[in-house]
Amino acid sequence: MYLVSARDMLRKAKAGHYAVGHFNINNLEWTKAILETAEEQQSPVILGVSEGAGKYMGGFDVVVGMVNGLLKDLDISVPVALHLDHGTYDGCYKCLRAGFSSIMFDGSSLPIDENVAKTTELIKEAHRHGISIEAEVGAIGGEEDGVIGAGECADPAECKKIADLGVDFLAAGIGNIHGVYPENWQGLSFETLEKVKVAVGEMPLVLHGGSGIPADQVKKAITLGVSKVNVNTECQIVFTEATRKYFEENKDKAPKGFDPRKVLKPGYGAIKEMVKEKMELFGSVGKA
């Protein structure tokens, strides 16, 4: 299976009233765990790469080579998109050249007219390359790779303005945040989501900051047009917890216990369990 655009998988998800999981990758173990779980669950999947993660892994060309190699050698048959997460204008062009199958331009911090102009240009370029493009209106709260937002709610009129440009799916801020949700978080604004859904029509919507949102709220969001849910923090947390436990139990002191393949194995397994749980929640199991 080759990398595919996320456009058709999200249109199919919206029509089928489920969502496709977008899981951020940070290294080989992360990527392999997500792909193997998607194949086992026969679920479509989106591999998300932030610009910081891409740099950490050696560059976007390295990421594309790693993912394509795993698709081939693991004999992955389910639809897989490789997606730039919260991309800058320059980052989007780098990923277009590297061979990503989907990009996100995050112009949410820009004045709406500049956001529109740059989004319009990138839509044309993305579609010329046969890949999908996501845009954002209303900054997502929290921080990711230096992108900081307070979790404000998007203006439905601005959502329509961006959607009408021809993006393939739209991230609209509805009170969601990146990272760990604080105890005083007020929850998702379904009133905003309802208005956005009406404004953009059949456009698939994206829920960023999917880690930590109560399951009932995620399910309700899916009924209101959310077709893509982004997960990163929860995978990071379980990976760290499993790795910490390995050392706390002194397994690194066992024969060859210092082998990084052994050290990273518990975290790899924890990611697989988390991804499986999320795919079940999103309803994408068996939808490949």
C-alpha atoms as a PDB file:
ATOM      1  CA  MET A   1       0.000   0.000   0.000  1.00  0.00           C
ATOM      2  CA  TYR A   2       1.243   3.450  -0.915  1.00  0.00           C
ATOM      3  CA  LEU A   3       0.532   6.648   0.992  1.00  0.00           C
ATOM      4  CA  VAL A   4      -2.855   8.115   0.120  1.00  0.00           C
ATOM      5  CA  SER A   5      -4.517  11.474   0.443  1.00  0.00           C
ATOM      6  CA  ALA A   6      -6.697  11.861   3.533  1.00  0.00           C
ATOM      7  CA  ARG A   7      -9.471  13.428   1.452  1.00  0.00           C
ATOM      8  CA  ASP A   8     -11.399  10.291   0.524  1.00  0.00           C
ATOM      9  CA  MET A   9     -10.922   8.522   3.874  1.00  0.00           C
ATOM     10  CA  LEU A  10     -12.425  11.504   5.715  1.00  0.00           C
ATOM     11  CA  ARG A  11     -15.313  11.893   3.298  1.00  0.00           C
ATOM     12  CA  LYS A  12     -16.044   8.211   3.825  1.00  0.00           C
ATOM     13  CA  ALA A  13     -15.782   8.665   7.598  1.00  0.00           C
ATOM     14  CA  LYS A  14     -18.222  11.580   7.588  1.00  0.00           C
ATOM     15  CA  ALA A  15     -20.724   9.618   5.526  1.00  0.00           C
ATOM     16  CA  GLY A  16     -20.304   6.612   7.831  1.00  0.00           C
ATOM     17  CA  HIS A  17     -20.546   8.639  11.057  1.00  0.00           C
ATOM     18  CA  TYR A  18     -17.157   7.649  12.439  1.00  0.00           C
ATOM     19  CA  ALA A  19     -13.774   9.380  12.662  1.00  0.00           C
ATOM     20  CA  VAL A  20     -10.270   8.501  11.522  1.00  0.00           C
ATOM     21  CA  GLY A  21      -7.544   8.778  14.123  1.00  0.00           C
ATOM     22  CA  HIS A  22      -4.614  11.094  13.479  1.00  0.00           C
ATOM     23  CA  PHE A  23      -1.734   9.846  15.622  1.00  0.00           C
ATOM     24  CA  ASN A  24       1.461  11.868  15.826  1.00  0.00           C
ATOM     25  CA  ILE A  25       4.703   9.998  15.254  1.00  0.00           C
ATOM     26  CA  ASN A  26       8.043  10.764  16.902  1.00  0.00           C
ATOM     27  CA  ASN A  27      10.341   7.878  15.938  1.00  0.00           C
ATOM     28  CA  LEU A  28      10.460   4.399  14.403  1.00  0.00           C
ATOM     29  CA  GLU A  29       8.780   2.681  17.362  1.00  0.00           C
ATOM     30  CA  TRP A  30       5.905   5.154  17.312  1.00  0.00           C
ATOM     31  CA  THR A  31       5.342   4.730  13.589  1.00  0.00           C
ATOM     32  CA  LYS A  32       5.607   0.957  13.579  1.00  0.00           C
ATOM     33  CA  ALA A  33       3.236   0.611  16.541  1.00  0.00           C
ATOM     34  CA  ILE A  34       0.567   2.765  14.908  1.00  0.00           C
ATOM     35  CA  LEU A  35       0.817   1.103  11.500  1.00  0.00           C
ATOM     36  CA  GLU A  36       0.715  -2.423  12.921  1.00  0.00           C
ATOM     37  CA  THR A  37      -2.317  -1.570  15.048  1.00  0.00           C
ATOM     38  CA  ALA A  38      -4.118  -0.027  12.086  1.00  0.00           C
ATOM     39  CA  GLU A  39      -3.494  -3.198  10.068  1.00  0.00           C
ATOM     40  CA  GLU A  40      -4.640  -5.432  12.934  1.00  0.00           C
ATOM     41  CA  GLN A  41      -7.814  -3.374  13.410  1.00  0.00           C
ATOM     42  CA  GLN A  42      -8.346  -2.897   9.666  1.00  0.00           C
ATOM     43  CA  SER A  43      -8.676   0.821  10.273  1.00  0.00           C
ATOM     44  CA  PRO A  44      -7.620   3.721   8.063  1.00  0.00           C
ATOM     45  CA  VAL A  45      -5.086   5.923   9.833  1.00  0.00           C
ATOM     46  CA  ILE A  46      -3.366   9.280   9.553  1.00  0.00           C
ATOM     47  CA  LEU A  47       0.243   9.648  10.697  1.00  0.00           C
ATOM     48  CA  GLY A  48       0.769  13.186  11.939  1.00  0.00           C
ATOM     49  CA  VAL A  49       4.156  14.905  11.908  1.00  0.00           C
ATOM     50  CA  SER A  50       4.768  18.276  13.509  1.00  0.00           C
ATOM     51  CA  GLU A  51       7.616  20.371  12.164  1.00  0.00           C
ATOM     52  CA  GLY A  52       9.488  19.831  15.429  1.00  0.00           C
ATOM     53  CA  ALA A  53       9.098  16.055  15.203  1.00  0.00           C
ATOM     54  CA  GLY A  54      10.190  16.113  11.583  1.00  0.00           C
ATOM     55  CA  LYS A  55      13.348  17.978  12.549  1.00  0.00           C
ATOM     56  CA  TYR A  56      13.966  15.588  15.465  1.00  0.00           C
ATOM     57  CA  MET A  57      13.745  12.569  13.155  1.00  0.00           C
ATOM     58  CA  GLY A  58      16.277  14.079  10.759  1.00  0.00           C
ATOM     59  CA  GLY A  59      14.044  15.879   8.275  1.00  0.00           C
ATOM     60  CA  PHE A  60      10.938  15.332   6.201  1.00  0.00           C
ATOM     61  CA  ASP A  61      12.755  13.215   3.616  1.00  0.00           C
ATOM     62  CA  VAL A  62      13.808  10.836   6.398  1.00  0.00           C
ATOM     63  CA  VAL A  63      10.225  10.628   7.656  1.00  0.00           C
ATOM     64  CA  VAL A  64       8.839   9.838   4.193  1.00  0.00           C
ATOM     65  CA  GLY A  65      11.499   7.197   3.600  1.00  0.00           C
ATOM     66  CA  MET A  66      10.840   5.539   6.957  1.00  0.00           C
ATOM     67  CA  VAL A  67       7.070   5.480   6.507  1.00  0.00           C
ATOM     68  CA  ASN A  68       7.207   4.187   2.932  1.00  0.00           C
ATOM     69  CA  GLY A  69       9.672   1.502   3.960  1.00  0.00           C
ATOM     70  CA  LEU A  70       7.412   0.337   6.787  1.00  0.00           C
ATOM     71  CA  LEU A  71       4.359   0.281   4.516  1.00  0.00           C
ATOM     72  CA  LYS A  72       6.233  -2.054   2.186  1.00  0.00           C
ATOM     73  CA  ASP A  73       8.048  -4.294   4.637  1.00  0.00           C
ATOM     74  CA  LEU A  74       5.109  -4.629   7.063  1.00  0.00           C
ATOM     75  CA  ASP A  75       2.781  -5.299   4.107  1.00  0.00           C
ATOM     76  CA  ILE A  76       0.317  -2.650   5.260  1.00  0.00           C
ATOM     77  CA  SER A  77      -2.925  -2.876   3.306  1.00  0.00           C
ATOM     78  CA  VAL A  78      -5.081  -0.231   5.046  1.00  0.00           C
ATOM     79  CA  PRO A  79      -5.260   3.384   3.825  1.00  0.00           C
ATOM     80  CA  VAL A  80      -2.483   5.501   5.384  1.00  0.00           C
ATOM     81  CA  ALA A  81      -1.964   9.244   5.016  1.00  0.00           C
ATOM     82  CA  LEU A  82       1.201  11.060   6.084  1.00  0.00           C
ATOM     83  CA  HIS A  83       0.098  14.487   7.279  1.00  0.00           C
ATOM     84  CA  LEU A  84       1.970  17.643   8.277  1.00  0.00           C
ATOM     85  CA  ASP A  85       0.476  18.849  11.570  1.00  0.00           C
ATOM     86  CA  HIS A  86       0.202  22.603  12.223  1.00  0.00           C
ATOM     87  CA  GLY A  87       2.450  23.453   9.331  1.00  0.00           C
ATOM     88  CA  THR A  88       3.903  26.838   8.580  1.00  0.00           C
ATOM     89  CA  TYR A  89       3.781  28.255   5.074  1.00  0.00           C
ATOM     90  CA  ASP A  90       7.383  27.183   4.423  1.00  0.00           C
ATOM     91  CA  GLY A  91       6.878  23.829   6.151  1.00  0.00           C
ATOM     92  CA  CYS A  92       3.984  23.008   3.839  1.00  0.00           C
ATOM     93  CA  TYR A  93       6.171  23.496   0.782  1.00  0.00           C
ATOM     94  CA  LYS A  94       8.927  21.339   2.271  1.00  0.00           C
ATOM     95  CA  CYS A  95       6.448  18.504   2.838  1.00  0.00           C
ATOM     96  CA  LEU A  96       5.034  18.855  -0.662  1.00  0.00           C
ATOM     97  CA  ARG A  97       8.530  18.334  -2.037  1.00  0.00           C
ATOM     98  CA  ALA A  98       9.352  15.482   0.366  1.00  0.00           C
ATOM     99  CA  GLY A  99       6.344  13.362  -0.586  1.00  0.00           C
ATOM    100  CA  PHE A 100       3.802  13.802   2.191  1.00  0.00           C
ATOM    101  CA  SER A 101       0.281  12.850   1.131  1.00  0.00           C
ATOM    102  CA  SER A 102      -1.479  15.497   3.229  1.00  0.00           C
ATOM    103  CA  ILE A 103      -0.645  18.839   4.820  1.00  0.00           C
ATOM    104  CA  MET A 104      -2.126  21.264   7.308  1.00  0.00           C
ATOM    105  CA  PHE A 105      -1.526  24.968   7.011  1.00  0.00           C
ATOM    106  CA  ASP A 106      -2.025  26.634  10.370  1.00  0.00           C
ATOM    107  CA  GLY A 107      -2.775  30.247   9.583  1.00  0.00           C
ATOM    108  CA  SER A 108      -5.036  30.643  12.601  1.00  0.00           C
ATOM    109  CA  SER A 109      -2.743  33.228  14.207  1.00  0.00           C
ATOM    110  CA  LEU A 110      -2.754  35.398  11.071  1.00  0.00           C
ATOM    111  CA  PRO A 111      -5.273  38.103  10.181  1.00  0.00           C
ATOM    112  CA  ILE A 112      -8.129  36.410   8.339  1.00  0.00           C
ATOM    113  CA  ASP A 113      -7.253  38.066   5.002  1.00  0.00           C
ATOM    114  CA  GLU A 114      -3.647  36.829   5.148  1.00  0.00           C
ATOM    115  CA  ASN A 115      -4.844  33.398   6.264  1.00  0.00           C
ATOM    116  CA  VAL A 116      -7.178  33.318   3.248  1.00  0.00           C
ATOM    117  CA  ALA A 117      -4.473  34.405   0.794  1.00  0.00           C
ATOM    118  CA  LYS A 118      -1.877  31.875   1.918  1.00  0.00           C
ATOM    119  CA  THR A 119      -4.438  29.089   2.284  1.00  0.00           C
ATOM    120  CA  THR A 120      -5.694  29.744  -1.258  1.00  0.00           C
ATOM    121  CA  GLU A 121      -2.173  29.441  -2.647  1.00  0.00           C
ATOM    122  CA  LEU A 122      -1.415  26.264  -0.720  1.00  0.00           C
ATOM    123  CA  ILE A 123      -4.716  24.643  -1.723  1.00  0.00           C
ATOM    124  CA  LYS A 124      -3.778  25.112  -5.375  1.00  0.00           C
ATOM    125  CA  GLU A 125      -0.322  23.633  -4.819  1.00  0.00           C
ATOM    126  CA  ALA A 126      -1.557  20.711  -2.717  1.00  0.00           C
ATOM    127  CA  HIS A 127      -4.232  19.725  -5.200  1.00  0.00           C
ATOM    128  CA  ARG A 128      -1.756  20.077  -8.067  1.00  0.00           C
ATOM    129  CA  HIS A 129       0.336  17.431  -6.272  1.00  0.00           C
ATOM    130  CA  GLY A 130      -2.753  15.263  -5.614  1.00  0.00           C
ATOM    131  CA  ILE A 131      -2.603  15.619  -1.828  1.00  0.00           C
ATOM    132  CA  SER A 132      -5.127  16.788   0.743  1.00  0.00           C
ATOM    133  CA  ILE A 133      -4.965  19.975   2.776  1.00  0.00           C
ATOM    134  CA  GLU A 134      -6.366  20.977   6.159  1.00  0.00           C
ATOM    135  CA  ALA A 135      -6.799  24.541   7.397  1.00  0.00           C
ATOM    136  CA  GLU A 136      -7.575  25.955  10.836  1.00  0.00           C
ATOM    137  CA  VAL A 137      -9.821  28.703  12.134  1.00  0.00           C
ATOM    138  CA  GLY A 138      -9.758  29.673  15.810  1.00  0.00           C
ATOM    139  CA  ALA A 139      -6.498  28.765  17.527  1.00  0.00           C
ATOM    140  CA  ILE A 140      -6.441  25.455  19.374  1.00  0.00           C
ATOM    141  CA  GLY A 141      -5.542  25.974  23.026  1.00  0.00           C
ATOM    142  CA  GLY A 142      -2.334  24.885  24.691  1.00  0.00           C
ATOM    143  CA  GLU A 143       1.078  24.661  23.048  1.00  0.00           C
ATOM    144  CA  GLU A 144       2.498  22.487  20.282  1.00  0.00           C
ATOM    145  CA  ASP A 145       5.908  23.193  18.770  1.00  0.00           C
ATOM    146  CA  GLY A 146       5.708  26.791  19.937  1.00  0.00           C
ATOM    147  CA  VAL A 147       2.191  27.303  18.552  1.00  0.00           C
ATOM    148  CA  ILE A 148       0.193  28.654  21.492  1.00  0.00           C
ATOM    149  CA  GLY A 149      -3.555  29.157  21.683  1.00  0.00           C
ATOM    150  CA  ALA A 150      -5.991  29.855  24.477  1.00  0.00           C
ATOM    151  CA  GLY A 151      -8.654  27.496  23.190  1.00  0.00           C
ATOM    152  CA  GLU A 152     -10.907  30.143  21.686  1.00  0.00           C
ATOM    153  CA  CYS A 153     -13.936  29.191  19.644  1.00  0.00           C
ATOM    154  CA  ALA A 154     -13.939  29.721  15.902  1.00  0.00           C
ATOM    155  CA  ASP A 155     -16.190  32.189  14.125  1.00  0.00           C
ATOM    156  CA  PRO A 156     -18.554  30.119  11.928  1.00  0.00           C
ATOM    157  CA  ALA A 157     -18.523  32.856   9.268  1.00  0.00           C
ATOM    158  CA  GLU A 158     -14.721  32.678   9.071  1.00  0.00           C
ATOM    159  CA  CYS A 159     -14.951  28.882   8.910  1.00  0.00           C
ATOM    160  CA  LYS A 160     -17.223  29.160   5.891  1.00  0.00           C
ATOM    161  CA  LYS A 161     -14.858  31.652   4.274  1.00  0.00           C
ATOM    162  CA  ILE A 162     -11.931  29.240   4.598  1.00  0.00           C
ATOM    163  CA  ALA A 163     -14.000  26.147   3.698  1.00  0.00           C
ATOM    164  CA  ASP A 164     -15.250  27.810   0.524  1.00  0.00           C
ATOM    165  CA  LEU A 165     -11.657  28.189  -0.672  1.00  0.00           C
ATOM    166  CA  GLY A 166     -11.576  24.446  -1.333  1.00  0.00           C
ATOM    167  CA  VAL A 167      -9.753  22.924   1.639  1.00  0.00           C
ATOM    168  CA  ASP A 168     -10.441  19.237   2.127  1.00  0.00           C
ATOM    169  CA  PHE A 169     -11.110  19.349   5.875  1.00  0.00           C
ATOM    170  CA  LEU A 170     -11.223  22.049   8.504  1.00  0.00           C
ATOM    171  CA  ALA A 171     -10.012  22.345  12.089  1.00  0.00           C
ATOM    172  CA  ALA A 172     -12.282  24.690  14.020  1.00  0.00           C
ATOM    173  CA  GLY A 173     -11.506  25.717  17.568  1.00  0.00           C
ATOM    174  CA  ILE A 174     -14.339  24.666  19.885  1.00  0.00           C
ATOM    175  CA  GLY A 175     -12.625  25.067  23.242  1.00  0.00           C
ATOM    176  CA  ASN A 176     -10.215  22.161  22.721  1.00  0.00           C
ATOM    177  CA  ILE A 177      -6.542  22.409  23.700  1.00  0.00           C
ATOM    178  CA  HIS A 178      -3.255  20.627  23.078  1.00  0.00           C
ATOM    179  CA  GLY A 179      -1.594  18.805  25.935  1.00  0.00           C
ATOM    180  CA  VAL A 180      -3.109  17.866  29.297  1.00  0.00           C
ATOM    181  CA  TYR A 181      -6.527  19.365  30.004  1.00  0.00           C
ATOM    182  CA  PRO A 182      -6.699  21.420  33.229  1.00  0.00           C
ATOM    183  CA  GLU A 183      -9.171  20.516  35.961  1.00  0.00           C
ATOM    184  CA  ASN A 184     -11.184  23.665  35.314  1.00  0.00           C
ATOM    185  CA  TRP A 185     -11.611  22.983  31.577  1.00  0.00           C
ATOM    186  CA  GLN A 186     -15.157  23.851  30.542  1.00  0.00           C
ATOM    187  CA  GLY A 187     -15.521  21.118  27.910  1.00  0.00           C
ATOM    188  CA  LEU A 188     -16.180  21.344  24.188  1.00  0.00           C
ATOM    189  CA  SER A 189     -18.499  24.028  22.883  1.00  0.00           C
ATOM    190  CA  PHE A 190     -21.063  21.977  21.002  1.00  0.00           C
ATOM    191  CA  GLU A 191     -23.014  25.157  20.308  1.00  0.00           C
ATOM    192  CA  THR A 192     -20.044  26.419  18.296  1.00  0.00           C
ATOM    193  CA  LEU A 193     -19.602  23.042  16.592  1.00  0.00           C
ATOM    194  CA  GLU A 194     -23.283  23.004  15.563  1.00  0.00           C
ATOM    195  CA  LYS A 195     -22.960  26.453  13.997  1.00  0.00           C
ATOM    196  CA  VAL A 196     -19.726  25.540  12.208  1.00  0.00           C
ATOM    197  CA  LYS A 197     -21.309  22.360  10.861  1.00  0.00           C
ATOM    198  CA  VAL A 198     -24.202  24.365   9.399  1.00  0.00           C
ATOM    199  CA  ALA A 199     -21.831  26.967   7.956  1.00  0.00           C
ATOM    200  CA  VAL A 200     -19.503  24.539   6.149  1.00  0.00           C
ATOM    201  CA  GLY A 201     -22.018  21.929   5.011  1.00  0.00           C
ATOM    202  CA  GLU A 202     -20.458  18.591   4.067  1.00  0.00           C
ATOM    203  CA  MET A 203     -16.900  19.617   4.937  1.00  0.00           C
ATOM    204  CA  PRO A 204     -15.278  17.033   7.289  1.00  0.00           C
ATOM    205  CA  LEU A 205     -14.219  18.676  10.552  1.00  0.00           C
ATOM    206  CA  VAL A 206     -11.140  18.020  12.668  1.00  0.00           C
ATOM    207  CA  LEU A 207     -10.893  17.816  16.450  1.00  0.00           C
ATOM    208  CA  HIS A 208      -7.400  18.724  17.617  1.00  0.00           C
ATOM    209  CA  GLY A 209      -6.276  18.032  21.170  1.00  0.00           C
ATOM    210  CA  GLY A 210      -8.120  14.708  21.243  1.00  0.00           C
ATOM    211  CA  SER A 211      -6.077  13.416  24.197  1.00  0.00           C
ATOM    212  CA  GLY A 212      -8.044  13.621  27.425  1.00  0.00           C
ATOM    213  CA  ILE A 213     -11.419  14.695  26.048  1.00  0.00           C
ATOM    214  CA  PRO A 214     -14.097  12.524  27.729  1.00  0.00           C
ATOM    215  CA  ALA A 215     -15.304   9.703  25.494  1.00  0.00           C
ATOM    216  CA  ASP A 216     -18.903  10.900  25.502  1.00  0.00           C
ATOM    217  CA  GLN A 217     -17.841  14.324  24.224  1.00  0.00           C
ATOM    218  CA  VAL A 218     -15.712  12.764  21.477  1.00  0.00           C
ATOM    219  CA  LYS A 219     -18.636  10.608  20.366  1.00  0.00           C
ATOM    220  CA  LYS A 220     -20.992  13.588  20.339  1.00  0.00           C
ATOM    221  CA  ALA A 221     -18.494  15.616  18.312  1.00  0.00           C
ATOM    222  CA  ILE A 222     -18.363  12.819  15.731  1.00  0.00           C
ATOM    223  CA  THR A 223     -22.158  12.922  15.383  1.00  0.00           C
ATOM    224  CA  LEU A 224     -21.823  16.645  14.643  1.00  0.00           C
ATOM    225  CA  GLY A 225     -19.409  16.270  11.733  1.00  0.00           C
ATOM    226  CA  VAL A 226     -15.993  15.618  13.261  1.00  0.00           C
ATOM    227  CA  SER A 227     -14.298  13.073  10.980  1.00  0.00           C
ATOM    228  CA  LYS A 228     -10.685  13.314  12.173  1.00  0.00           C
ATOM    229  CA  VAL A 229      -9.491  13.262  15.778  1.00  0.00           C
ATOM    230  CA  ASN A 230      -5.875  14.120  16.641  1.00  0.00           C
ATOM    231  CA  VAL A 231      -4.118  12.186  19.404  1.00  0.00           C
ATOM    232  CA  ASN A 232      -0.587  12.761  20.646  1.00  0.00           C
ATOM    233  CA  THR A 233      -0.303  13.525  24.368  1.00  0.00           C
ATOM    234  CA  GLU A 234      -1.907  10.279  25.564  1.00  0.00           C
ATOM    235  CA  CYS A 235       0.524   8.227  23.484  1.00  0.00           C
ATOM    236  CA  GLN A 236       3.421  10.225  24.919  1.00  0.00           C
ATOM    237  CA  ILE A 237       2.181   9.672  28.467  1.00  0.00           C
ATOM    238  CA  VAL A 238       1.722   5.893  28.197  1.00  0.00           C
ATOM    239  CA  PHE A 239       5.053   5.532  26.395  1.00  0.00           C
ATOM    240  CA  THR A 240       6.823   7.387  29.189  1.00  0.00           C
ATOM    241  CA  GLU A 241       5.015   5.471  31.933  1.00  0.00           C
ATOM    242  CA  ALA A 242       5.877   2.092  30.398  1.00  0.00           C
ATOM    243  CA  THR A 243       9.512   3.087  29.911  1.00  0.00           C
ATOM    244  CA  ARG A 244       9.768   4.384  33.475  1.00  0.00           C
ATOM    245  CA  LYS A 245       8.353   1.123  34.806  1.00  0.00           C
ATOM    246  CA  TYR A 246      11.011  -0.828  32.881  1.00  0.00           C
ATOM    247  CA  PHE A 247      13.735   0.985  34.798  1.00  0.00           C
ATOM    248  CA  GLU A 248      11.905   1.003  38.131  1.00  0.00           C
ATOM    249  CA  GLU A 249      11.703  -2.800  37.915  1.00  0.00           C
ATOM    250  CA  ASN A 250      15.455  -2.890  37.159  1.00  0.00           C
ATOM    251  CA  LYS A 251      14.908  -4.742  33.922  1.00  0.00           C
ATOM    252  CA  ASP A 252      17.795  -2.814  32.439  1.00  0.00           C
ATOM    253  CA  LYS A 253      20.056  -4.724  34.861  1.00  0.00           C
ATOM    254  CA  ALA A 254      19.047  -8.092  33.409  1.00  0.00           C
ATOM    255  CA  PRO A 255      21.297  -9.701  30.784  1.00  0.00           C
ATOM    256  CA  LYS A 256      21.231  -7.458  27.721  1.00  0.00           C
ATOM    257  CA  GLY A 257      18.598  -5.354  29.476  1.00  0.00           C
ATOM    258  CA  PHE A 258      20.395  -2.241  28.277  1.00  0.00           C
ATOM    259  CA  ASP A 259      19.629  -3.117  24.641  1.00  0.00           C
ATOM    260  CA  PRO A 260      17.540  -0.163  23.355  1.00  0.00           C
ATOM    261  CA  ARG A 261      15.256  -2.585  21.554  1.00  0.00           C
ATOM    262  CA  LYS A 262      14.333  -4.062  24.932  1.00  0.00           C
ATOM    263  CA  VAL A 263      14.179  -0.683  26.636  1.00  0.00           C
ATOM    264  CA  LEU A 264      11.724   0.702  24.077  1.00  0.00           C
ATOM    265  CA  LYS A 265       9.552  -2.405  23.724  1.00  0.00           C
ATOM    266  CA  PRO A 266       7.201  -1.682  26.677  1.00  0.00           C
ATOM    267  CA  GLY A 267       6.520   1.830  25.395  1.00  0.00           C
ATOM    268  CA  TYR A 268       5.906   0.454  21.916  1.00  0.00           C
ATOM    269  CA  GLY A 269       3.332  -1.965  23.351  1.00  0.00           C
ATOM    270  CA  ALA A 270       1.678   0.808  25.358  1.00  0.00           C
ATOM    271  CA  ILE A 271       1.225   2.901  22.224  1.00  0.00           C
ATOM    272  CA  LYS A 272      -0.371  -0.035  20.429  1.00  0.00           C
ATOM    273  CA  GLU A 273      -2.903  -0.434  23.242  1.00  0.00           C
ATOM    274  CA  MET A 274      -3.704   3.285  23.259  1.00  0.00           C
ATOM    275  CA  VAL A 275      -4.143   3.440  19.480  1.00  0.00           C
ATOM    276  CA  LYS A 276      -6.433   0.390  19.547  1.00  0.00           C
ATOM    277  CA  GLU A 277      -8.530   1.990  22.286  1.00  0.00           C
ATOM    278  CA  LYS A 278      -8.864   5.209  20.317  1.00  0.00           C
ATOM    279  CA  MET A 279      -9.756   3.458  17.067  1.00  0.00           C
ATOM    280  CA  GLU A 280     -12.539   1.640  18.888  1.00  0.00           C
ATOM    281  CA  LEU A 281     -13.767   4.919  20.375  1.00  0.00           C
ATOM    282  CA  PHE A 282     -13.700   6.688  17.007  1.00  0.00           C
ATOM    283  CA  GLY A 283     -15.552   3.815  15.317  1.00  0.00           C
ATOM    284  CA  SER A 284     -12.943   3.278  12.593  1.00  0.00           C
ATOM    285  CA  VAL A 285     -12.245  -0.414  13.296  1.00  0.00           C
ATOM    286  CA  GLY A 286     -13.075  -2.515  10.255  1.00  0.00           C
ATOM    287  CA  LYS A 287     -13.558   0.548   8.046  1.00  0.00           C
ATOM    288  CA  ALA A 288     -10.408   0.158   5.922  1.00  0.00           C
END
